[in-house]
C-alpha cells in the first residue's frame, strides 16, 4: 500500500510493508551441546577453590620497629597522658619527655648520682641539651632514681650500655602470636633501641625509662611489656649472652616496674 501527500509543500512518501510470518519449523535447529570434559571441569573447579598456603605470610612486614609493634598492641602510645611534672610552659609534653630521656642517655651516671646539677650544666655546655630542655629536666626525680635500689644496681654494674641500637632477625611468631607452624618460623627484621642495659654477674638486664602518666604498675607493664620482651630477644641474639631480666622505670611513680610475679 502506498500513499503520497504534501504538507507545507513538503512531499511525504509513506509505505507499509507486511512481512510474511515465519514458521518456527523453518528455523535451524540448535546443535546438541558437546559432552562435558570432566577433566577440564575438575581442573577449573580446583583452580577456583585454590587457597594460597602462605597467605598469612603475605601480611607480614619484612622489617618492623619494636616501638611500632608495641604502639599497635596498646592502640597508640599517644593515648597516655603526661604527668604534671612534664607540663610546664616552653616545651610540649613530648619534648619535655624527650629532654629527660636525653639527660639519662648522655649523663655520666656516676657524676649525675653525686651532683645532678653539675652534670646537667655539663650537658648544656657540651650541647647535649639546650637551655630549654635543661629547664624541663626534673632533677629531683633523677636523684630518686639513683638513690633507689635499681639505680644503685646500675651504678655498681660491671658494665652499662646506653641507647643500644640493634637490627636483628627474629621469628615472625614473636611479633604476632596468631601465627603458628611455618608461618611463625619465618624470619623478620626487627630494629629498635634500648634505653639502658647493664651487666651484672655475667648476665644482662634491660632497663627502659618511661615518663608517661600511669597510676599503677600493672597498667604500665601491659602497655610496654611486649616491647621489652622483643628487646630481650633481640639483645640476647646481638650480645650472644642471656638477658636475665627486663624492667621499666616510671619517673611518674619514681619506681621500677617488673613483669607480674617478679617484684
C-alpha atoms as a PDB file:
ATOM      1  CA  UNK A   1       0.000   0.000   0.000  1.00  0.00           C
ATOM      2  CA  UNK A   2       1.388   3.407  -0.995  1.00  0.00           C
ATOM      3  CA  UNK A   3       0.025   6.857  -0.113  1.00  0.00           C
ATOM      4  CA  UNK A   4       1.530  10.201  -1.126  1.00  0.00           C
ATOM      5  CA  UNK A   5       0.601  13.606   0.271  1.00  0.00           C
ATOM      6  CA  UNK A   6       2.130  17.069   0.746  1.00  0.00           C
ATOM      7  CA  UNK A   7       2.234  19.217   3.845  1.00  0.00           C
ATOM      8  CA  UNK A   8       3.559  22.760   3.674  1.00  0.00           C
ATOM      9  CA  UNK A   9       4.794  21.848   0.224  1.00  0.00           C
ATOM     10  CA  UNK A  10       6.965  19.052   1.569  1.00  0.00           C
ATOM     11  CA  UNK A  11       6.294  15.670  -0.057  1.00  0.00           C
ATOM     12  CA  UNK A  12       5.969  12.570   2.093  1.00  0.00           C
ATOM     13  CA  UNK A  13       6.012   9.032   0.839  1.00  0.00           C
ATOM     14  CA  UNK A  14       4.605   6.549   3.339  1.00  0.00           C
ATOM     15  CA  UNK A  15       4.684   2.834   2.743  1.00  0.00           C
ATOM     16  CA  UNK A  16       3.518  -0.085   4.876  1.00  0.00           C
ATOM     17  CA  UNK A  17       5.262  -3.359   4.248  1.00  0.00           C
ATOM     18  CA  UNK A  18       3.831  -6.589   5.604  1.00  0.00           C
ATOM     19  CA  UNK A  19       6.330  -9.369   6.168  1.00  0.00           C
ATOM     20  CA  UNK A  20       5.418 -12.948   5.703  1.00  0.00           C
ATOM     21  CA  UNK A  21       5.041 -14.833   9.009  1.00  0.00           C
ATOM     22  CA  UNK A  22       7.986 -17.132   9.662  1.00  0.00           C
ATOM     23  CA  UNK A  23       7.157 -20.676  10.529  1.00  0.00           C
ATOM     24  CA  UNK A  24       9.106 -21.920  13.563  1.00  0.00           C
ATOM     25  CA  UNK A  25       9.676 -25.214  11.902  1.00  0.00           C
ATOM     26  CA  UNK A  26      11.721 -23.432   9.254  1.00  0.00           C
ATOM     27  CA  UNK A  27      14.250 -22.156  11.857  1.00  0.00           C
ATOM     28  CA  UNK A  28      17.553 -24.023  12.076  1.00  0.00           C
ATOM     29  CA  UNK A  29      17.640 -26.469  14.939  1.00  0.00           C
ATOM     30  CA  UNK A  30      20.141 -25.859  17.744  1.00  0.00           C
ATOM     31  CA  UNK A  31      23.005 -28.233  17.834  1.00  0.00           C
ATOM     32  CA  UNK A  32      23.203 -30.635  20.743  1.00  0.00           C
ATOM     33  CA  UNK A  33      25.701 -29.491  23.458  1.00  0.00           C
ATOM     34  CA  UNK A  34      29.113 -31.056  23.374  1.00  0.00           C
ATOM     35  CA  UNK A  35      29.793 -33.623  26.073  1.00  0.00           C
ATOM     36  CA  UNK A  36      31.328 -32.252  29.291  1.00  0.00           C
ATOM     37  CA  UNK A  37      35.098 -32.569  29.572  1.00  0.00           C
ATOM     38  CA  UNK A  38      35.228 -33.932  33.119  1.00  0.00           C
ATOM     39  CA  UNK A  39      38.977 -33.481  33.416  1.00  0.00           C
ATOM     40  CA  UNK A  40      38.783 -29.826  32.369  1.00  0.00           C
ATOM     41  CA  UNK A  41      35.816 -29.240  34.693  1.00  0.00           C
ATOM     42  CA  UNK A  42      37.721 -30.711  37.644  1.00  0.00           C
ATOM     43  CA  UNK A  43      40.767 -28.559  36.855  1.00  0.00           C
ATOM     44  CA  UNK A  44      38.686 -25.347  36.705  1.00  0.00           C
ATOM     45  CA  UNK A  45      36.935 -26.154  39.979  1.00  0.00           C
ATOM     46  CA  UNK A  46      40.301 -26.873  41.609  1.00  0.00           C
ATOM     47  CA  UNK A  47      41.773 -23.582  40.362  1.00  0.00           C
ATOM     48  CA  UNK A  48      38.754 -21.566  41.537  1.00  0.00           C
ATOM     49  CA  UNK A  49      38.846 -23.044  45.030  1.00  0.00           C
ATOM     50  CA  UNK A  50      42.630 -22.729  45.406  1.00  0.00           C
ATOM     51  CA  UNK A  51      43.801 -21.187  48.696  1.00  0.00           C
ATOM     52  CA  UNK A  52      47.372 -19.875  48.882  1.00  0.00           C
ATOM     53  CA  UNK A  53      49.037 -21.901  51.658  1.00  0.00           C
ATOM     54  CA  UNK A  54      51.258 -18.994  52.754  1.00  0.00           C
ATOM     55  CA  UNK A  55      48.568 -16.303  52.818  1.00  0.00           C
ATOM     56  CA  UNK A  56      49.434 -15.332  56.410  1.00  0.00           C
ATOM     57  CA  UNK A  57      53.000 -14.537  55.376  1.00  0.00           C
ATOM     58  CA  UNK A  58      51.859 -12.012  52.759  1.00  0.00           C
ATOM     59  CA  UNK A  59      50.548  -9.819  55.604  1.00  0.00           C
ATOM     60  CA  UNK A  60      53.868  -9.765  57.445  1.00  0.00           C
ATOM     61  CA  UNK A  61      56.232  -6.836  57.147  1.00  0.00           C
ATOM     62  CA  UNK A  62      59.809  -7.820  56.367  1.00  0.00           C
ATOM     63  CA  UNK A  63      61.129  -5.132  58.712  1.00  0.00           C
ATOM     64  CA  UNK A  64      59.474  -3.614  61.770  1.00  0.00           C
ATOM     65  CA  UNK A  65      60.340  -1.369  64.708  1.00  0.00           C
ATOM     66  CA  UNK A  66      59.835  -2.757  68.196  1.00  0.00           C
ATOM     67  CA  UNK A  67      58.284   0.509  69.392  1.00  0.00           C
ATOM     68  CA  UNK A  68      55.788   0.474  66.499  1.00  0.00           C
ATOM     69  CA  UNK A  69      54.638  -3.044  67.373  1.00  0.00           C
ATOM     70  CA  UNK A  70      54.168  -2.078  70.991  1.00  0.00           C
ATOM     71  CA  UNK A  71      52.198   1.012  69.989  1.00  0.00           C
ATOM     72  CA  UNK A  72      49.872  -1.114  67.848  1.00  0.00           C
ATOM     73  CA  UNK A  73      49.229  -3.500  70.699  1.00  0.00           C
ATOM     74  CA  UNK A  74      48.498  -0.635  73.107  1.00  0.00           C
ATOM     75  CA  UNK A  75      46.469   1.166  70.397  1.00  0.00           C
ATOM     76  CA  UNK A  76      48.923   4.061  70.495  1.00  0.00           C
ATOM     77  CA  UNK A  77      51.470   5.397  72.932  1.00  0.00           C
ATOM     78  CA  UNK A  78      49.979   8.863  72.420  1.00  0.00           C
ATOM     79  CA  UNK A  79      46.838   7.841  74.323  1.00  0.00           C
ATOM     80  CA  UNK A  80      48.833   8.005  77.549  1.00  0.00           C
ATOM     81  CA  UNK A  81      48.594  11.378  79.242  1.00  0.00           C
ATOM     82  CA  UNK A  82      51.607  13.186  80.590  1.00  0.00           C
ATOM     83  CA  UNK A  83      52.236  13.906  84.266  1.00  0.00           C
ATOM     84  CA  UNK A  84      52.176  17.352  85.785  1.00  0.00           C
ATOM     85  CA  UNK A  85      55.955  17.472  86.187  1.00  0.00           C
ATOM     86  CA  UNK A  86      56.226  17.403  82.362  1.00  0.00           C
ATOM     87  CA  UNK A  87      53.578  20.051  81.745  1.00  0.00           C
ATOM     88  CA  UNK A  88      55.390  23.333  82.347  1.00  0.00           C
ATOM     89  CA  UNK A  89      55.336  26.004  79.671  1.00  0.00           C
ATOM     90  CA  UNK A  90      58.014  26.286  76.993  1.00  0.00           C
ATOM     91  CA  UNK A  91      58.105  22.731  75.650  1.00  0.00           C
ATOM     92  CA  UNK A  92      55.387  20.336  74.627  1.00  0.00           C
ATOM     93  CA  UNK A  93      54.859  17.295  76.873  1.00  0.00           C
ATOM     94  CA  UNK A  94      56.546  15.082  74.261  1.00  0.00           C
ATOM     95  CA  UNK A  95      59.550  17.419  74.073  1.00  0.00           C
ATOM     96  CA  UNK A  96      59.855  17.505  77.856  1.00  0.00           C
ATOM     97  CA  UNK A  97      59.768  13.720  77.990  1.00  0.00           C
ATOM     98  CA  UNK A  98      62.494  13.641  75.332  1.00  0.00           C
ATOM     99  CA  UNK A  99      64.579  16.065  77.421  1.00  0.00           C
ATOM    100  CA  UNK A 100      64.525  13.714  80.399  1.00  0.00           C
ATOM    101  CA  UNK A 101      65.376  10.755  78.183  1.00  0.00           C
ATOM    102  CA  UNK A 102      68.272  12.708  76.680  1.00  0.00           C
ATOM    103  CA  UNK A 103      69.615  13.521  80.128  1.00  0.00           C
ATOM    104  CA  UNK A 104      69.589   9.828  81.059  1.00  0.00           C
ATOM    105  CA  UNK A 105      71.198   8.935  77.730  1.00  0.00           C
ATOM    106  CA  UNK A 106      74.104  11.384  77.807  1.00  0.00           C
ATOM    107  CA  UNK A 107      74.710  11.838  81.511  1.00  0.00           C
ATOM    108  CA  UNK A 108      77.629  10.244  83.288  1.00  0.00           C
ATOM    109  CA  UNK A 109      75.646   8.173  85.769  1.00  0.00           C
ATOM    110  CA  UNK A 110      78.327   8.311  88.450  1.00  0.00           C
ATOM    111  CA  UNK A 111      78.579  12.092  88.188  1.00  0.00           C
ATOM    112  CA  UNK A 112      74.809  12.531  87.985  1.00  0.00           C
ATOM    113  CA  UNK A 113      74.269  10.491  91.132  1.00  0.00           C
ATOM    114  CA  UNK A 114      76.710  12.695  93.098  1.00  0.00           C
ATOM    115  CA  UNK A 115      75.908  16.099  91.619  1.00  0.00           C
ATOM    116  CA  UNK A 116      72.981  16.166  89.169  1.00  0.00           C
ATOM    117  CA  UNK A 117      73.061  19.971  88.842  1.00  0.00           C
ATOM    118  CA  UNK A 118      76.725  19.978  87.801  1.00  0.00           C
ATOM    119  CA  UNK A 119      76.116  17.140  85.343  1.00  0.00           C
ATOM    120  CA  UNK A 120      73.139  18.978  83.842  1.00  0.00           C
ATOM    121  CA  UNK A 121      75.333  22.065  83.399  1.00  0.00           C
ATOM    122  CA  UNK A 122      77.975  19.965  81.620  1.00  0.00           C
ATOM    123  CA  UNK A 123      75.389  18.583  79.196  1.00  0.00           C
ATOM    124  CA  UNK A 124      74.301  22.118  78.348  1.00  0.00           C
ATOM    125  CA  UNK A 125      77.872  23.309  77.819  1.00  0.00           C
ATOM    126  CA  UNK A 126      78.638  20.361  75.556  1.00  0.00           C
ATOM    127  CA  UNK A 127      75.386  20.856  73.588  1.00  0.00           C
ATOM    128  CA  UNK A 128      73.787  17.581  74.590  1.00  0.00           C
ATOM    129  CA  UNK A 129      70.825  19.582  75.928  1.00  0.00           C
ATOM    130  CA  UNK A 130      69.505  23.034  75.142  1.00  0.00           C
ATOM    131  CA  UNK A 131      68.743  25.537  77.892  1.00  0.00           C
ATOM    132  CA  UNK A 132      65.019  24.921  77.380  1.00  0.00           C
ATOM    133  CA  UNK A 133      65.470  21.152  77.639  1.00  0.00           C
ATOM    134  CA  UNK A 134      67.611  21.510  80.754  1.00  0.00           C
ATOM    135  CA  UNK A 135      64.867  23.537  82.426  1.00  0.00           C
ATOM    136  CA  UNK A 136      62.454  20.689  81.733  1.00  0.00           C
ATOM    137  CA  UNK A 137      64.578  18.039  83.488  1.00  0.00           C
ATOM    138  CA  UNK A 138      63.272  17.382  86.993  1.00  0.00           C
ATOM    139  CA  UNK A 139      66.462  16.602  88.887  1.00  0.00           C
ATOM    140  CA  UNK A 140      64.514  15.573  91.973  1.00  0.00           C
ATOM    141  CA  UNK A 141      63.206  12.575  90.090  1.00  0.00           C
ATOM    142  CA  UNK A 142      66.647  11.851  88.708  1.00  0.00           C
ATOM    143  CA  UNK A 143      68.016  11.800  92.272  1.00  0.00           C
ATOM    144  CA  UNK A 144      65.262   9.407  93.374  1.00  0.00           C
ATOM    145  CA  UNK A 145      66.234   7.003  90.628  1.00  0.00           C
ATOM    146  CA  UNK A 146      69.905   6.922  91.566  1.00  0.00           C
ATOM    147  CA  UNK A 147      69.240   6.610  95.307  1.00  0.00           C
ATOM    148  CA  UNK A 148      66.750   3.764  94.761  1.00  0.00           C
ATOM    149  CA  UNK A 149      67.657   0.059  94.628  1.00  0.00           C
ATOM    150  CA  UNK A 150      67.515  -0.150  90.826  1.00  0.00           C
ATOM    151  CA  UNK A 151      69.647   2.959  90.356  1.00  0.00           C
ATOM    152  CA  UNK A 152      72.196   1.584  92.796  1.00  0.00           C
ATOM    153  CA  UNK A 153      72.394  -1.643  90.819  1.00  0.00           C
ATOM    154  CA  UNK A 154      73.083   0.337  87.657  1.00  0.00           C
ATOM    155  CA  UNK A 155      75.775   2.409  89.399  1.00  0.00           C
ATOM    156  CA  UNK A 156      77.544  -0.715  90.652  1.00  0.00           C
ATOM    157  CA  UNK A 157      77.087  -2.782  87.497  1.00  0.00           C
ATOM    158  CA  UNK A 158      80.076  -4.375  85.769  1.00  0.00           C
ATOM    159  CA  UNK A 159      79.190  -2.509  82.573  1.00  0.00           C
ATOM    160  CA  UNK A 160      76.453  -0.139  81.387  1.00  0.00           C
ATOM    161  CA  UNK A 161      75.193   0.240  77.803  1.00  0.00           C
ATOM    162  CA  UNK A 162      73.047   3.235  76.872  1.00  0.00           C
ATOM    163  CA  UNK A 163      70.883   3.785  73.775  1.00  0.00           C
ATOM    164  CA  UNK A 164      71.964   0.426  72.418  1.00  0.00           C
ATOM    165  CA  UNK A 165      70.613   0.270  68.855  1.00  0.00           C
ATOM    166  CA  UNK A 166      70.025  -3.047  67.099  1.00  0.00           C
ATOM    167  CA  UNK A 167      68.862  -4.643  63.870  1.00  0.00           C
ATOM    168  CA  UNK A 168      68.299  -8.362  64.201  1.00  0.00           C
ATOM    169  CA  UNK A 169      66.430 -11.224  62.548  1.00  0.00           C
ATOM    170  CA  UNK A 170      63.800 -12.930  64.706  1.00  0.00           C
ATOM    171  CA  UNK A 171      60.969 -15.433  64.068  1.00  0.00           C
ATOM    172  CA  UNK A 172      57.754 -13.684  62.995  1.00  0.00           C
ATOM    173  CA  UNK A 173      55.855 -15.594  65.688  1.00  0.00           C
ATOM    174  CA  UNK A 174      57.475 -13.401  68.333  1.00  0.00           C
ATOM    175  CA  UNK A 175      55.730 -10.315  66.921  1.00  0.00           C
ATOM    176  CA  UNK A 176      52.404 -11.952  66.027  1.00  0.00           C
ATOM    177  CA  UNK A 177      51.082 -14.596  68.416  1.00  0.00           C
ATOM    178  CA  UNK A 178      48.335 -15.618  65.958  1.00  0.00           C
ATOM    179  CA  UNK A 179      50.935 -17.255  63.692  1.00  0.00           C
ATOM    180  CA  UNK A 180      51.868 -20.891  64.035  1.00  0.00           C
ATOM    181  CA  UNK A 181      53.992 -23.552  62.396  1.00  0.00           C
ATOM    182  CA  UNK A 182      55.977 -22.478  59.345  1.00  0.00           C
ATOM    183  CA  UNK A 183      54.395 -19.007  59.359  1.00  0.00           C
ATOM    184  CA  UNK A 184      55.640 -18.346  62.887  1.00  0.00           C
ATOM    185  CA  UNK A 185      59.135 -19.519  61.942  1.00  0.00           C
ATOM    186  CA  UNK A 186      59.512 -17.054  59.058  1.00  0.00           C
ATOM    187  CA  UNK A 187      62.355 -14.560  59.652  1.00  0.00           C
ATOM    188  CA  UNK A 188      61.576 -10.893  60.256  1.00  0.00           C
ATOM    189  CA  UNK A 189      63.957  -7.974  60.677  1.00  0.00           C
ATOM    190  CA  UNK A 190      63.424  -6.128  63.971  1.00  0.00           C
ATOM    191  CA  UNK A 191      65.019  -2.786  64.781  1.00  0.00           C
ATOM    192  CA  UNK A 192      64.967  -0.641  67.879  1.00  0.00           C
ATOM    193  CA  UNK A 193      66.990   0.983  70.627  1.00  0.00           C
ATOM    194  CA  UNK A 194      67.346   0.009  74.282  1.00  0.00           C
ATOM    195  CA  UNK A 195      67.436   2.967  76.710  1.00  0.00           C
ATOM    196  CA  UNK A 196      69.775   1.267  79.138  1.00  0.00           C
ATOM    197  CA  UNK A 197      71.258  -2.186  79.614  1.00  0.00           C
ATOM    198  CA  UNK A 198      73.653  -3.229  82.359  1.00  0.00           C
ATOM    199  CA  UNK A 199      75.741  -6.295  83.020  1.00  0.00           C
ATOM    200  CA  UNK A 200      75.714  -7.877  86.449  1.00  0.00           C
ATOM    201  CA  UNK A 201      77.480 -11.115  87.377  1.00  0.00           C
ATOM    202  CA  UNK A 202      77.797 -12.060  83.709  1.00  0.00           C
ATOM    203  CA  UNK A 203      74.109 -11.570  82.889  1.00  0.00           C
ATOM    204  CA  UNK A 204      72.418  -8.692  81.086  1.00  0.00           C
ATOM    205  CA  UNK A 205      69.474  -6.633  82.325  1.00  0.00           C
ATOM    206  CA  UNK A 206      67.401  -4.286  80.173  1.00  0.00           C
ATOM    207  CA  UNK A 207      66.049  -1.055  81.635  1.00  0.00           C
ATOM    208  CA  UNK A 208      63.538   1.156  79.799  1.00  0.00           C
ATOM    209  CA  UNK A 209      62.725   4.659  81.092  1.00  0.00           C
ATOM    210  CA  UNK A 210      59.118   5.913  80.974  1.00  0.00           C
ATOM    211  CA  UNK A 211      57.718   9.382  81.709  1.00  0.00           C
ATOM    212  CA  UNK A 212      54.086   8.594  80.891  1.00  0.00           C
ATOM    213  CA  UNK A 213      51.426   9.275  83.462  1.00  0.00           C
ATOM    214  CA  UNK A 214      50.228   5.976  84.868  1.00  0.00           C
ATOM    215  CA  UNK A 215      48.567   5.139  88.166  1.00  0.00           C
ATOM    216  CA  UNK A 216      49.543   1.505  88.611  1.00  0.00           C
ATOM    217  CA  UNK A 217      52.400  -0.746  87.645  1.00  0.00           C
ATOM    218  CA  UNK A 218      50.279  -3.428  86.004  1.00  0.00           C
ATOM    219  CA  UNK A 219      48.818  -0.926  83.559  1.00  0.00           C
ATOM    220  CA  UNK A 220      52.264   0.343  82.593  1.00  0.00           C
ATOM    221  CA  UNK A 221      53.589  -3.176  82.130  1.00  0.00           C
ATOM    222  CA  UNK A 222      50.645  -4.185  79.959  1.00  0.00           C
ATOM    223  CA  UNK A 223      51.414  -1.292  77.640  1.00  0.00           C
ATOM    224  CA  UNK A 224      55.180  -1.697  77.378  1.00  0.00           C
ATOM    225  CA  UNK A 225      55.933  -5.252  78.482  1.00  0.00           C
ATOM    226  CA  UNK A 226      55.577  -6.685  74.938  1.00  0.00           C
ATOM    227  CA  UNK A 227      58.113  -4.160  73.665  1.00  0.00           C
ATOM    228  CA  UNK A 228      60.623  -5.137  76.346  1.00  0.00           C
ATOM    229  CA  UNK A 229      60.083  -8.815  75.576  1.00  0.00           C
ATOM    230  CA  UNK A 230      61.162  -8.114  71.999  1.00  0.00           C
ATOM    231  CA  UNK A 231      64.151  -6.150  73.304  1.00  0.00           C
ATOM    232  CA  UNK A 232      65.137  -9.141  75.392  1.00  0.00           C
ATOM    233  CA  UNK A 233      65.027 -11.485  72.404  1.00  0.00           C
ATOM    234  CA  UNK A 234      66.911  -9.024  70.199  1.00  0.00           C
ATOM    235  CA  UNK A 235      69.697  -8.243  72.654  1.00  0.00           C
ATOM    236  CA  UNK A 236      70.171 -11.911  73.548  1.00  0.00           C
ATOM    237  CA  UNK A 237      70.929 -12.517  69.874  1.00  0.00           C
ATOM    238  CA  UNK A 238      73.031  -9.376  69.380  1.00  0.00           C
ATOM    239  CA  UNK A 239      75.140  -9.793  72.517  1.00  0.00           C
ATOM    240  CA  UNK A 240      75.237 -13.590  72.342  1.00  0.00           C
ATOM    241  CA  UNK A 241      74.521 -13.549  76.037  1.00  0.00           C
ATOM    242  CA  UNK A 242      71.491 -14.188  78.205  1.00  0.00           C
ATOM    243  CA  UNK A 243      69.282 -11.226  79.071  1.00  0.00           C
ATOM    244  CA  UNK A 244      68.215 -12.344  82.508  1.00  0.00           C
ATOM    245  CA  UNK A 245      65.516  -9.766  83.178  1.00  0.00           C
ATOM    246  CA  UNK A 246      63.711  -6.720  81.774  1.00  0.00           C
ATOM    247  CA  UNK A 247      62.385  -3.801  83.783  1.00  0.00           C
ATOM    248  CA  UNK A 248      60.635  -0.466  83.271  1.00  0.00           C
ATOM    249  CA  UNK A 249      61.375   2.579  85.371  1.00  0.00           C
ATOM    250  CA  UNK A 250      58.500   5.027  85.837  1.00  0.00           C
ATOM    251  CA  UNK A 251      59.626   8.585  86.563  1.00  0.00           C
ATOM    252  CA  UNK A 252      55.974   9.377  87.318  1.00  0.00           C
ATOM    253  CA  UNK A 253      55.792   6.777  90.097  1.00  0.00           C
ATOM    254  CA  UNK A 254      59.515   7.026  90.944  1.00  0.00           C
ATOM    255  CA  UNK A 255      59.614   3.248  90.946  1.00  0.00           C
ATOM    256  CA  UNK A 256      60.747   0.243  88.896  1.00  0.00           C
ATOM    257  CA  UNK A 257      58.105  -1.895  87.193  1.00  0.00           C
ATOM    258  CA  UNK A 258      58.816  -5.594  86.721  1.00  0.00           C
ATOM    259  CA  UNK A 259      56.863  -8.310  84.965  1.00  0.00           C
ATOM    260  CA  UNK A 260      53.999  -9.679  87.096  1.00  0.00           C
ATOM    261  CA  UNK A 261      55.308 -12.023  89.781  1.00  0.00           C
ATOM    262  CA  UNK A 262      58.879 -10.695  89.690  1.00  0.00           C
ATOM    263  CA  UNK A 263      58.508  -7.807  92.142  1.00  0.00           C
END
